[in-house]
Amino acid sequence: MTLIDGKAVSAQIKQEIAAEVEQIVAAGGKRPHLAAILVGHDGGSETYVANKVKACEACGFKSSLIRYEADVTEAELLAKVEELNQDADVDGFIVQLPLPKHISEQKVIEAIDYRKDVDGFHPINVGRLAIGLPCYVSATPNGIIELLRRYNIETSGKKCVVLGRSNIVGKPMATLMMQKANPGDATVTVCHSHSRDLKKECQEADIIIAAIGKPNFVTADMVKEGAVVIDVGTTRVPDVTKKSGFRLNGDVQFDEVAPKCSFITPVPGGVGPMTIVSLMKNTLLAGKKAIYQ
């Protein structure tokens, strides 16, 4: 069993990005600039955004953090999005989700200029991904593809089960795994809470990508010997032994499942660090105008 070390891979990619940024700046080019909008004080979002700011520093990017209280109006938020769309110094920006209930997330996503949508959530980027055109790919699926690539995990012709059908992970992940590419070229089944014979589907899978948001959902009896298991789950579970008062728990019952696997990602330290570094890769592409002029 090989443990897939997302932390080590992400550190390596940050070094690669930083080296390229220094070359760009040395040649008289512009330092990439990522902006983030954070609404309210959700604990998970605070952590993610702090990590993104740190990653920007490591990559040599300029970063800006724009904060609003949870009672910000939708109109005010949309006005800020438009301001960032027009700001020539900002190469890419994100609006950290989830947003408060009174704001339409979809309206905000669609208001972002797709050429600056480094989260890859805009319908234009989603549509381009679906038909295999260059685009910003959403960060978590992109990070998983990078892990499969760097660990030389064979995906062509393999049966891949994606657990979960969210717009952020499940759907784009399935799209990437079925595309004529390496990694990719797999036979993909998307399962969810209403799937019949879900256990049987998993038992037949060479690769399981668990993004269903239920701690310890994937158990040893669902996994065949030699399978590759990618755990996207990050549920906060109370834990008095931790300083924070909680620990992150994946969708996979790791201790039981790991001995059966050829490769498996831990939680934390697997997919999580790759999500942030994928956002950095998209920001570099945006700064270089590599996808959209």
C-alpha atoms as a PDB file:
ATOM      1  CA  MET A   1       0.000   0.000   0.000  1.00  0.00           C
ATOM      2  CA  THR A   2       1.360   3.399  -1.019  1.00  0.00           C
ATOM      3  CA  LEU A   3       0.207   6.469   0.864  1.00  0.00           C
ATOM      4  CA  ILE A   4      -0.342   9.368  -1.543  1.00  0.00           C
ATOM      5  CA  ASP A   5       1.339  12.381   0.053  1.00  0.00           C
ATOM      6  CA  GLY A   6      -0.532  15.461  -1.129  1.00  0.00           C
ATOM      7  CA  LYS A   7       1.429  17.679   1.223  1.00  0.00           C
ATOM      8  CA  ALA A   8       4.772  16.737  -0.364  1.00  0.00           C
ATOM      9  CA  VAL A   9       3.431  17.010  -3.934  1.00  0.00           C
ATOM     10  CA  SER A  10       1.860  20.418  -3.255  1.00  0.00           C
ATOM     11  CA  ALA A  11       5.114  21.717  -1.732  1.00  0.00           C
ATOM     12  CA  GLN A  12       6.964  20.577  -4.867  1.00  0.00           C
ATOM     13  CA  ILE A  13       4.426  22.308  -7.166  1.00  0.00           C
ATOM     14  CA  LYS A  14       4.629  25.558  -5.166  1.00  0.00           C
ATOM     15  CA  GLN A  15       8.411  25.535  -5.690  1.00  0.00           C
ATOM     16  CA  GLU A  16       7.899  24.975  -9.431  1.00  0.00           C
ATOM     17  CA  ILE A  17       5.395  27.855  -9.607  1.00  0.00           C
ATOM     18  CA  ALA A  18       7.640  30.200  -7.572  1.00  0.00           C
ATOM     19  CA  ALA A  19      10.584  29.499  -9.911  1.00  0.00           C
ATOM     20  CA  GLU A  20       8.430  30.299 -12.954  1.00  0.00           C
ATOM     21  CA  VAL A  21       7.078  33.500 -11.360  1.00  0.00           C
ATOM     22  CA  GLU A  22      10.628  34.719 -10.667  1.00  0.00           C
ATOM     23  CA  GLN A  23      11.528  34.073 -14.317  1.00  0.00           C
ATOM     24  CA  ILE A  24       8.448  36.049 -15.447  1.00  0.00           C
ATOM     25  CA  VAL A  25       9.272  38.979 -13.152  1.00  0.00           C
ATOM     26  CA  ALA A  26      12.977  38.919 -14.065  1.00  0.00           C
ATOM     27  CA  ALA A  27      11.982  39.160 -17.739  1.00  0.00           C
ATOM     28  CA  GLY A  28       9.908  42.269 -16.978  1.00  0.00           C
ATOM     29  CA  GLY A  29       6.558  40.498 -16.731  1.00  0.00           C
ATOM     30  CA  LYS A  30       3.790  41.082 -14.201  1.00  0.00           C
ATOM     31  CA  ARG A  31       3.626  39.246 -10.873  1.00  0.00           C
ATOM     32  CA  PRO A  32       0.328  37.234 -10.803  1.00  0.00           C
ATOM     33  CA  HIS A  33      -2.318  38.724  -8.492  1.00  0.00           C
ATOM     34  CA  LEU A  34      -5.037  36.655  -6.792  1.00  0.00           C
ATOM     35  CA  ALA A  35      -7.864  38.317  -4.863  1.00  0.00           C
ATOM     36  CA  ALA A  36     -10.282  36.563  -2.499  1.00  0.00           C
ATOM     37  CA  ILE A  37     -13.620  37.747  -1.114  1.00  0.00           C
ATOM     38  CA  LEU A  38     -14.574  36.323   2.277  1.00  0.00           C
ATOM     39  CA  VAL A  39     -18.062  36.899   3.686  1.00  0.00           C
ATOM     40  CA  GLY A  40     -18.740  36.301   7.392  1.00  0.00           C
ATOM     41  CA  HIS A  41     -16.662  34.228   9.801  1.00  0.00           C
ATOM     42  CA  ASP A  42     -17.281  30.574   8.908  1.00  0.00           C
ATOM     43  CA  GLY A  43     -14.473  28.564  10.574  1.00  0.00           C
ATOM     44  CA  GLY A  44     -13.740  26.351   7.577  1.00  0.00           C
ATOM     45  CA  SER A  45     -13.728  29.285   5.157  1.00  0.00           C
ATOM     46  CA  GLU A  46     -11.414  31.306   7.430  1.00  0.00           C
ATOM     47  CA  THR A  47      -8.924  28.419   7.439  1.00  0.00           C
ATOM     48  CA  TYR A  48      -9.119  27.884   3.669  1.00  0.00           C
ATOM     49  CA  VAL A  49      -8.624  31.557   2.891  1.00  0.00           C
ATOM     50  CA  ALA A  50      -5.698  31.879   5.338  1.00  0.00           C
ATOM     51  CA  ASN A  51      -4.069  28.881   3.640  1.00  0.00           C
ATOM     52  CA  LYS A  52      -4.659  30.422   0.207  1.00  0.00           C
ATOM     53  CA  VAL A  53      -2.979  33.678   1.280  1.00  0.00           C
ATOM     54  CA  LYS A  54       0.005  31.671   2.626  1.00  0.00           C
ATOM     55  CA  ALA A  55       0.192  29.688  -0.619  1.00  0.00           C
ATOM     56  CA  CYS A  56       0.245  32.940  -2.630  1.00  0.00           C
ATOM     57  CA  GLU A  57       3.282  34.071  -0.620  1.00  0.00           C
ATOM     58  CA  ALA A  58       5.030  30.733  -1.237  1.00  0.00           C
ATOM     59  CA  CYS A  59       4.361  31.022  -4.986  1.00  0.00           C
ATOM     60  CA  GLY A  60       5.533  34.631  -5.234  1.00  0.00           C
ATOM     61  CA  PHE A  61       2.070  35.978  -6.064  1.00  0.00           C
ATOM     62  CA  LYS A  62       0.517  39.222  -4.966  1.00  0.00           C
ATOM     63  CA  SER A  63      -2.677  38.565  -2.984  1.00  0.00           C
ATOM     64  CA  SER A  64      -5.586  40.667  -1.712  1.00  0.00           C
ATOM     65  CA  LEU A  65      -8.212  39.652   0.836  1.00  0.00           C
ATOM     66  CA  ILE A  66     -11.525  41.522   0.832  1.00  0.00           C
ATOM     67  CA  ARG A  67     -13.687  40.899   3.907  1.00  0.00           C
ATOM     68  CA  TYR A  68     -17.392  41.519   4.470  1.00  0.00           C
ATOM     69  CA  GLU A  69     -19.615  40.836   7.455  1.00  0.00           C
ATOM     70  CA  ALA A  70     -22.359  38.210   6.999  1.00  0.00           C
ATOM     71  CA  ASP A  71     -25.032  40.922   6.623  1.00  0.00           C
ATOM     72  CA  VAL A  72     -23.510  42.345   3.402  1.00  0.00           C
ATOM     73  CA  THR A  73     -26.190  42.812   0.734  1.00  0.00           C
ATOM     74  CA  GLU A  74     -26.163  40.823  -2.487  1.00  0.00           C
ATOM     75  CA  ALA A  75     -26.024  44.110  -4.447  1.00  0.00           C
ATOM     76  CA  GLU A  76     -22.930  45.262  -2.555  1.00  0.00           C
ATOM     77  CA  LEU A  77     -21.169  41.939  -3.138  1.00  0.00           C
ATOM     78  CA  LEU A  78     -22.055  41.945  -6.859  1.00  0.00           C
ATOM     79  CA  ALA A  79     -20.716  45.509  -7.141  1.00  0.00           C
ATOM     80  CA  LYS A  80     -17.365  44.350  -5.677  1.00  0.00           C
ATOM     81  CA  VAL A  81     -17.283  41.406  -8.128  1.00  0.00           C
ATOM     82  CA  GLU A  82     -17.760  43.827 -11.011  1.00  0.00           C
ATOM     83  CA  GLU A  83     -15.013  46.078  -9.634  1.00  0.00           C
ATOM     84  CA  LEU A  84     -12.596  43.110  -9.583  1.00  0.00           C
ATOM     85  CA  ASN A  85     -13.695  42.121 -13.107  1.00  0.00           C
ATOM     86  CA  GLN A  86     -12.598  45.588 -14.286  1.00  0.00           C
ATOM     87  CA  ASP A  87      -9.383  45.793 -12.241  1.00  0.00           C
ATOM     88  CA  ALA A  88      -6.546  45.145 -14.706  1.00  0.00           C
ATOM     89  CA  ASP A  89      -4.092  44.361 -11.886  1.00  0.00           C
ATOM     90  CA  VAL A  90      -6.192  41.433 -10.597  1.00  0.00           C
ATOM     91  CA  ASP A  91      -5.525  38.343 -12.743  1.00  0.00           C
ATOM     92  CA  GLY A  92      -7.921  36.011 -10.961  1.00  0.00           C
ATOM     93  CA  PHE A  93     -10.245  36.069  -7.975  1.00  0.00           C
ATOM     94  CA  ILE A  94     -12.467  33.836  -5.916  1.00  0.00           C
ATOM     95  CA  VAL A  95     -15.547  34.337  -3.781  1.00  0.00           C
ATOM     96  CA  GLN A  96     -15.229  31.877  -0.895  1.00  0.00           C
ATOM     97  CA  LEU A  97     -18.275  29.607  -0.582  1.00  0.00           C
ATOM     98  CA  PRO A  98     -20.611  29.025   1.207  1.00  0.00           C
ATOM     99  CA  LEU A  99     -22.263  32.444   1.223  1.00  0.00           C
ATOM    100  CA  PRO A 100     -25.005  33.571   3.651  1.00  0.00           C
ATOM    101  CA  LYS A 101     -28.509  32.345   2.767  1.00  0.00           C
ATOM    102  CA  HIS A 102     -29.753  35.757   1.543  1.00  0.00           C
ATOM    103  CA  ILE A 103     -27.172  35.827  -1.269  1.00  0.00           C
ATOM    104  CA  SER A 104     -27.584  33.721  -4.422  1.00  0.00           C
ATOM    105  CA  GLU A 105     -24.325  31.793  -4.890  1.00  0.00           C
ATOM    106  CA  GLN A 106     -25.212  31.064  -8.510  1.00  0.00           C
ATOM    107  CA  LYS A 107     -25.802  34.755  -9.259  1.00  0.00           C
ATOM    108  CA  VAL A 108     -22.412  35.629  -7.763  1.00  0.00           C
ATOM    109  CA  ILE A 109     -20.613  32.839  -9.670  1.00  0.00           C
ATOM    110  CA  GLU A 110     -22.175  33.955 -12.960  1.00  0.00           C
ATOM    111  CA  ALA A 111     -21.219  37.583 -12.280  1.00  0.00           C
ATOM    112  CA  ILE A 112     -17.500  36.714 -12.193  1.00  0.00           C
ATOM    113  CA  ASP A 113     -15.668  37.288 -15.500  1.00  0.00           C
ATOM    114  CA  TYR A 114     -14.986  33.705 -16.662  1.00  0.00           C
ATOM    115  CA  ARG A 115     -11.470  34.804 -17.700  1.00  0.00           C
ATOM    116  CA  LYS A 116     -10.732  35.563 -14.026  1.00  0.00           C
ATOM    117  CA  ASP A 117     -12.708  32.625 -12.606  1.00  0.00           C
ATOM    118  CA  VAL A 118      -9.746  30.692 -11.192  1.00  0.00           C
ATOM    119  CA  ASP A 119     -12.113  28.510  -9.116  1.00  0.00           C
ATOM    120  CA  GLY A 120     -13.494  27.137 -12.418  1.00  0.00           C
ATOM    121  CA  PHE A 121     -17.145  27.451 -11.317  1.00  0.00           C
ATOM    122  CA  HIS A 122     -18.480  29.765 -14.054  1.00  0.00           C
ATOM    123  CA  PRO A 123     -20.832  28.000 -16.516  1.00  0.00           C
ATOM    124  CA  ILE A 124     -18.480  28.901 -19.388  1.00  0.00           C
ATOM    125  CA  ASN A 125     -15.534  27.137 -17.707  1.00  0.00           C
ATOM    126  CA  VAL A 126     -17.754  24.207 -16.718  1.00  0.00           C
ATOM    127  CA  GLY A 127     -19.061  23.913 -20.293  1.00  0.00           C
ATOM    128  CA  ARG A 128     -15.592  24.137 -21.818  1.00  0.00           C
ATOM    129  CA  LEU A 129     -14.416  21.395 -19.454  1.00  0.00           C
ATOM    130  CA  ALA A 130     -17.321  19.183 -20.530  1.00  0.00           C
ATOM    131  CA  ILE A 131     -16.301  19.321 -24.193  1.00  0.00           C
ATOM    132  CA  GLY A 132     -12.553  19.210 -23.563  1.00  0.00           C
ATOM    133  CA  LEU A 133     -11.613  22.812 -24.353  1.00  0.00           C
ATOM    134  CA  PRO A 134      -8.894  24.703 -22.431  1.00  0.00           C
ATOM    135  CA  CYS A 135     -10.376  26.257 -19.282  1.00  0.00           C
ATOM    136  CA  TYR A 136      -9.873  26.765 -15.572  1.00  0.00           C
ATOM    137  CA  VAL A 137     -10.634  23.388 -14.005  1.00  0.00           C
ATOM    138  CA  SER A 138     -12.119  23.447 -10.513  1.00  0.00           C
ATOM    139  CA  ALA A 139      -9.397  23.018  -7.937  1.00  0.00           C
ATOM    140  CA  THR A 140     -10.181  19.763  -6.141  1.00  0.00           C
ATOM    141  CA  PRO A 141     -10.670  17.578  -9.265  1.00  0.00           C
ATOM    142  CA  ASN A 142      -7.618  19.215 -10.862  1.00  0.00           C
ATOM    143  CA  GLY A 143      -5.566  18.420  -7.756  1.00  0.00           C
ATOM    144  CA  ILE A 144      -6.675  14.776  -7.816  1.00  0.00           C
ATOM    145  CA  ILE A 145      -5.692  14.448 -11.491  1.00  0.00           C
ATOM    146  CA  GLU A 146      -2.266  15.874 -10.597  1.00  0.00           C
ATOM    147  CA  LEU A 147      -1.827  13.296  -7.799  1.00  0.00           C
ATOM    148  CA  LEU A 148      -2.754  10.439 -10.162  1.00  0.00           C
ATOM    149  CA  ARG A 149      -0.257  11.818 -12.699  1.00  0.00           C
ATOM    150  CA  ARG A 150       2.636  12.254 -10.272  1.00  0.00           C
ATOM    151  CA  TYR A 151       2.160   8.803  -8.753  1.00  0.00           C
ATOM    152  CA  ASN A 152       1.936   7.241 -12.256  1.00  0.00           C
ATOM    153  CA  ILE A 153      -1.399   5.618 -11.421  1.00  0.00           C
ATOM    154  CA  GLU A 154      -2.811   3.803 -14.451  1.00  0.00           C
ATOM    155  CA  THR A 155      -6.326   5.085 -15.270  1.00  0.00           C
ATOM    156  CA  SER A 156      -6.831   4.158 -18.946  1.00  0.00           C
ATOM    157  CA  GLY A 157      -9.579   1.556 -19.306  1.00  0.00           C
ATOM    158  CA  LYS A 158     -10.009   1.276 -15.530  1.00  0.00           C
ATOM    159  CA  LYS A 159     -13.399   1.266 -13.820  1.00  0.00           C
ATOM    160  CA  CYS A 160     -13.688   4.440 -11.758  1.00  0.00           C
ATOM    161  CA  VAL A 161     -16.516   5.101  -9.293  1.00  0.00           C
ATOM    162  CA  VAL A 162     -17.085   8.717  -8.213  1.00  0.00           C
ATOM    163  CA  LEU A 163     -19.138   8.944  -5.025  1.00  0.00           C
ATOM    164  CA  GLY A 164     -21.000  12.261  -5.046  1.00  0.00           C
ATOM    165  CA  ARG A 165     -22.382  14.487  -7.808  1.00  0.00           C
ATOM    166  CA  SER A 166     -21.651  18.021  -6.594  1.00  0.00           C
ATOM    167  CA  ASN A 167     -20.873  20.762  -9.108  1.00  0.00           C
ATOM    168  CA  ILE A 168     -17.579  21.446  -7.320  1.00  0.00           C
ATOM    169  CA  VAL A 169     -16.155  17.899  -7.138  1.00  0.00           C
ATOM    170  CA  GLY A 170     -18.305  14.979  -8.335  1.00  0.00           C
ATOM    171  CA  LYS A 171     -19.398  16.168 -11.780  1.00  0.00           C
ATOM    172  CA  PRO A 172     -16.088  17.746 -12.926  1.00  0.00           C
ATOM    173  CA  MET A 173     -14.171  14.755 -11.506  1.00  0.00           C
ATOM    174  CA  ALA A 174     -16.253  12.338 -13.569  1.00  0.00           C
ATOM    175  CA  THR A 175     -15.730  14.518 -16.661  1.00  0.00           C
ATOM    176  CA  LEU A 176     -11.940  14.582 -16.218  1.00  0.00           C
ATOM    177  CA  MET A 177     -11.695  10.837 -15.598  1.00  0.00           C
ATOM    178  CA  MET A 178     -13.581   9.994 -18.791  1.00  0.00           C
ATOM    179  CA  GLN A 179     -11.714  12.402 -21.092  1.00  0.00           C
ATOM    180  CA  LYS A 180      -9.227  11.131 -23.665  1.00  0.00           C
ATOM    181  CA  ALA A 181      -6.195  12.092 -21.634  1.00  0.00           C
ATOM    182  CA  ASN A 182      -3.672  10.717 -19.193  1.00  0.00           C
ATOM    183  CA  PRO A 183      -4.790  10.572 -16.398  1.00  0.00           C
ATOM    184  CA  GLY A 184      -8.292   9.886 -17.680  1.00  0.00           C
ATOM    185  CA  ASP A 185      -9.665   7.506 -20.301  1.00  0.00           C
ATOM    186  CA  ALA A 186     -11.480   5.562 -17.561  1.00  0.00           C
ATOM    187  CA  THR A 187     -14.945   3.981 -17.545  1.00  0.00           C
ATOM    188  CA  VAL A 188     -16.757   6.196 -15.056  1.00  0.00           C
ATOM    189  CA  THR A 189     -19.789   5.543 -12.862  1.00  0.00           C
ATOM    190  CA  VAL A 190     -21.178   8.350 -10.699  1.00  0.00           C
ATOM    191  CA  CYS A 191     -22.949   7.131  -7.559  1.00  0.00           C
ATOM    192  CA  HIS A 192     -24.932   9.144  -5.021  1.00  0.00           C
ATOM    193  CA  SER A 193     -27.393   8.751  -2.152  1.00  0.00           C
ATOM    194  CA  HIS A 194     -30.102   7.345  -4.453  1.00  0.00           C
ATOM    195  CA  SER A 195     -27.884   4.852  -6.302  1.00  0.00           C
ATOM    196  CA  ARG A 196     -28.947   1.225  -6.135  1.00  0.00           C
ATOM    197  CA  ASP A 197     -26.310  -1.440  -5.483  1.00  0.00           C
ATOM    198  CA  LEU A 198     -23.846   1.248  -4.451  1.00  0.00           C
ATOM    199  CA  LYS A 199     -21.778  -1.288  -2.524  1.00  0.00           C
ATOM    200  CA  LYS A 200     -21.566  -3.584  -5.557  1.00  0.00           C
ATOM    201  CA  GLU A 201     -20.520  -0.686  -7.814  1.00  0.00           C
ATOM    202  CA  CYS A 202     -17.678   0.157  -5.413  1.00  0.00           C
ATOM    203  CA  GLN A 203     -16.584  -3.469  -5.082  1.00  0.00           C
ATOM    204  CA  GLU A 204     -16.046  -3.601  -8.869  1.00  0.00           C
ATOM    205  CA  ALA A 205     -14.105  -0.314  -9.020  1.00  0.00           C
ATOM    206  CA  ASP A 206     -10.374  -0.091  -9.731  1.00  0.00           C
ATOM    207  CA  ILE A 207     -10.465   3.536  -8.563  1.00  0.00           C
ATOM    208  CA  ILE A 208     -12.872   5.021  -5.985  1.00  0.00           C
ATOM    209  CA  ILE A 209     -13.072   8.790  -5.575  1.00  0.00           C
ATOM    210  CA  ALA A 210     -15.122   9.473  -2.440  1.00  0.00           C
ATOM    211  CA  ALA A 211     -16.689  12.948  -2.297  1.00  0.00           C
ATOM    212  CA  ILE A 212     -19.991  12.197  -0.623  1.00  0.00           C
ATOM    213  CA  GLY A 213     -19.479  14.226   2.576  1.00  0.00           C
ATOM    214  CA  LYS A 214     -20.294  11.409   5.020  1.00  0.00           C
ATOM    215  CA  PRO A 215     -17.522  10.439   7.472  1.00  0.00           C
ATOM    216  CA  ASN A 216     -16.342   6.800   7.230  1.00  0.00           C
ATOM    217  CA  PHE A 217     -18.899   6.060   4.486  1.00  0.00           C
ATOM    218  CA  VAL A 218     -16.549   3.797   2.505  1.00  0.00           C
ATOM    219  CA  THR A 219     -15.835   0.635   4.484  1.00  0.00           C
ATOM    220  CA  ALA A 220     -13.450  -2.258   3.811  1.00  0.00           C
ATOM    221  CA  ASP A 221     -16.209  -4.531   2.461  1.00  0.00           C
ATOM    222  CA  MET A 222     -16.875  -1.985  -0.323  1.00  0.00           C
ATOM    223  CA  VAL A 223     -13.294  -2.016  -1.635  1.00  0.00           C
ATOM    224  CA  LYS A 224     -11.607  -4.720  -3.695  1.00  0.00           C
ATOM    225  CA  GLU A 225      -7.992  -5.765  -3.184  1.00  0.00           C
ATOM    226  CA  GLY A 226      -5.560  -3.476  -4.997  1.00  0.00           C
ATOM    227  CA  ALA A 227      -7.999  -0.600  -5.550  1.00  0.00           C
ATOM    228  CA  VAL A 228      -6.926   3.051  -5.633  1.00  0.00           C
ATOM    229  CA  VAL A 229      -8.914   5.123  -3.118  1.00  0.00           C
ATOM    230  CA  ILE A 230      -8.997   8.919  -3.211  1.00  0.00           C
ATOM    231  CA  ASP A 231     -10.708  10.463  -0.169  1.00  0.00           C
ATOM    232  CA  VAL A 232     -12.079  13.976  -0.722  1.00  0.00           C
ATOM    233  CA  GLY A 233     -14.069  14.098   2.534  1.00  0.00           C
ATOM    234  CA  THR A 234     -13.222  16.717   5.168  1.00  0.00           C
ATOM    235  CA  THR A 235     -15.889  16.625   7.865  1.00  0.00           C
ATOM    236  CA  ARG A 236     -15.054  18.293  11.181  1.00  0.00           C
ATOM    237  CA  VAL A 237     -15.562  15.762  13.972  1.00  0.00           C
ATOM    238  CA  PRO A 238     -15.330  16.831  17.673  1.00  0.00           C
ATOM    239  CA  ASP A 239     -12.065  15.647  19.270  1.00  0.00           C
ATOM    240  CA  VAL A 240     -11.096  16.803  22.767  1.00  0.00           C
ATOM    241  CA  THR A 241      -7.483  15.663  22.270  1.00  0.00           C
ATOM    242  CA  LYS A 242      -6.965  18.337  19.591  1.00  0.00           C
ATOM    243  CA  LYS A 243      -6.154  21.974  20.372  1.00  0.00           C
ATOM    244  CA  SER A 244      -8.818  23.086  17.879  1.00  0.00           C
ATOM    245  CA  GLY A 245     -11.416  20.811  19.518  1.00  0.00           C
ATOM    246  CA  PHE A 246     -12.000  18.888  16.279  1.00  0.00           C
ATOM    247  CA  ARG A 247     -10.273  16.683  13.742  1.00  0.00           C
ATOM    248  CA  LEU A 248     -10.842  16.293  10.018  1.00  0.00           C
ATOM    249  CA  ASN A 249     -12.463  13.019   9.076  1.00  0.00           C
ATOM    250  CA  GLY A 250     -12.550  11.622   5.554  1.00  0.00           C
ATOM    251  CA  ASP A 251     -15.326   9.744   3.736  1.00  0.00           C
ATOM    252  CA  VAL A 252     -13.233   6.555   3.970  1.00  0.00           C
ATOM    253  CA  GLN A 253     -12.746   4.373   7.055  1.00  0.00           C
ATOM    254  CA  PHE A 254      -9.003   4.688   6.591  1.00  0.00           C
ATOM    255  CA  ASP A 255      -7.643   2.109   9.074  1.00  0.00           C
ATOM    256  CA  GLU A 256      -9.861  -0.656   7.654  1.00  0.00           C
ATOM    257  CA  VAL A 257      -9.626   0.274   3.975  1.00  0.00           C
ATOM    258  CA  ALA A 258      -5.928   1.179   3.621  1.00  0.00           C
ATOM    259  CA  PRO A 259      -4.511  -2.387   3.897  1.00  0.00           C
ATOM    260  CA  LYS A 260      -6.567  -3.437   0.842  1.00  0.00           C
ATOM    261  CA  CYS A 261      -5.426  -0.557  -1.371  1.00  0.00           C
ATOM    262  CA  SER A 262      -2.587  -0.194  -3.836  1.00  0.00           C
ATOM    263  CA  PHE A 263      -2.764   3.605  -3.294  1.00  0.00           C
ATOM    264  CA  ILE A 264      -4.786   5.704  -0.837  1.00  0.00           C
ATOM    265  CA  THR A 265      -4.924   9.366   0.220  1.00  0.00           C
ATOM    266  CA  PRO A 266      -4.966  10.231   3.925  1.00  0.00           C
ATOM    267  CA  VAL A 267      -7.160  12.910   5.547  1.00  0.00           C
ATOM    268  CA  PRO A 268      -5.699  15.380   6.257  1.00  0.00           C
ATOM    269  CA  GLY A 269      -2.640  15.652   4.006  1.00  0.00           C
ATOM    270  CA  GLY A 270      -3.998  14.038   0.851  1.00  0.00           C
ATOM    271  CA  VAL A 271      -6.375  15.892  -1.448  1.00  0.00           C
ATOM    272  CA  GLY A 272      -6.644  19.052   0.719  1.00  0.00           C
ATOM    273  CA  PRO A 273      -3.219  20.577   0.002  1.00  0.00           C
ATOM    274  CA  MET A 274      -3.687  19.813  -3.717  1.00  0.00           C
ATOM    275  CA  THR A 275      -6.895  21.850  -3.835  1.00  0.00           C
ATOM    276  CA  ILE A 276      -5.074  25.010  -2.819  1.00  0.00           C
ATOM    277  CA  VAL A 277      -2.092  24.393  -5.091  1.00  0.00           C
ATOM    278  CA  SER A 278      -4.466  23.839  -8.053  1.00  0.00           C
ATOM    279  CA  LEU A 279      -5.901  27.291  -7.401  1.00  0.00           C
ATOM    280  CA  MET A 280      -2.321  28.597  -7.530  1.00  0.00           C
ATOM    281  CA  LYS A 281      -1.779  26.836 -10.880  1.00  0.00           C
ATOM    282  CA  ASN A 282      -4.948  28.453 -12.263  1.00  0.00           C
ATOM    283  CA  THR A 283      -3.764  31.852 -10.995  1.00  0.00           C
ATOM    284  CA  LEU A 284      -0.429  31.391 -12.781  1.00  0.00           C
ATOM    285  CA  LEU A 285      -2.304  30.531 -15.992  1.00  0.00           C
ATOM    286  CA  ALA A 286      -4.456  33.649 -15.507  1.00  0.00           C
ATOM    287  CA  GLY A 287      -1.395  35.832 -14.938  1.00  0.00           C
ATOM    288  CA  LYS A 288       0.230  34.477 -18.114  1.00  0.00           C
ATOM    289  CA  LYS A 289      -3.060  34.852 -20.035  1.00  0.00           C
ATOM    290  CA  ALA A 290      -2.380  31.236 -21.052  1.00  0.00           C
ATOM    291  CA  ILE A 291      -6.022  30.237 -21.534  1.00  0.00           C
ATOM    292  CA  TYR A 292      -7.937  33.454 -22.228  1.00  0.00           C
ATOM    293  CA  GLN A 293      -6.365  36.537 -23.783  1.00  0.00           C
END
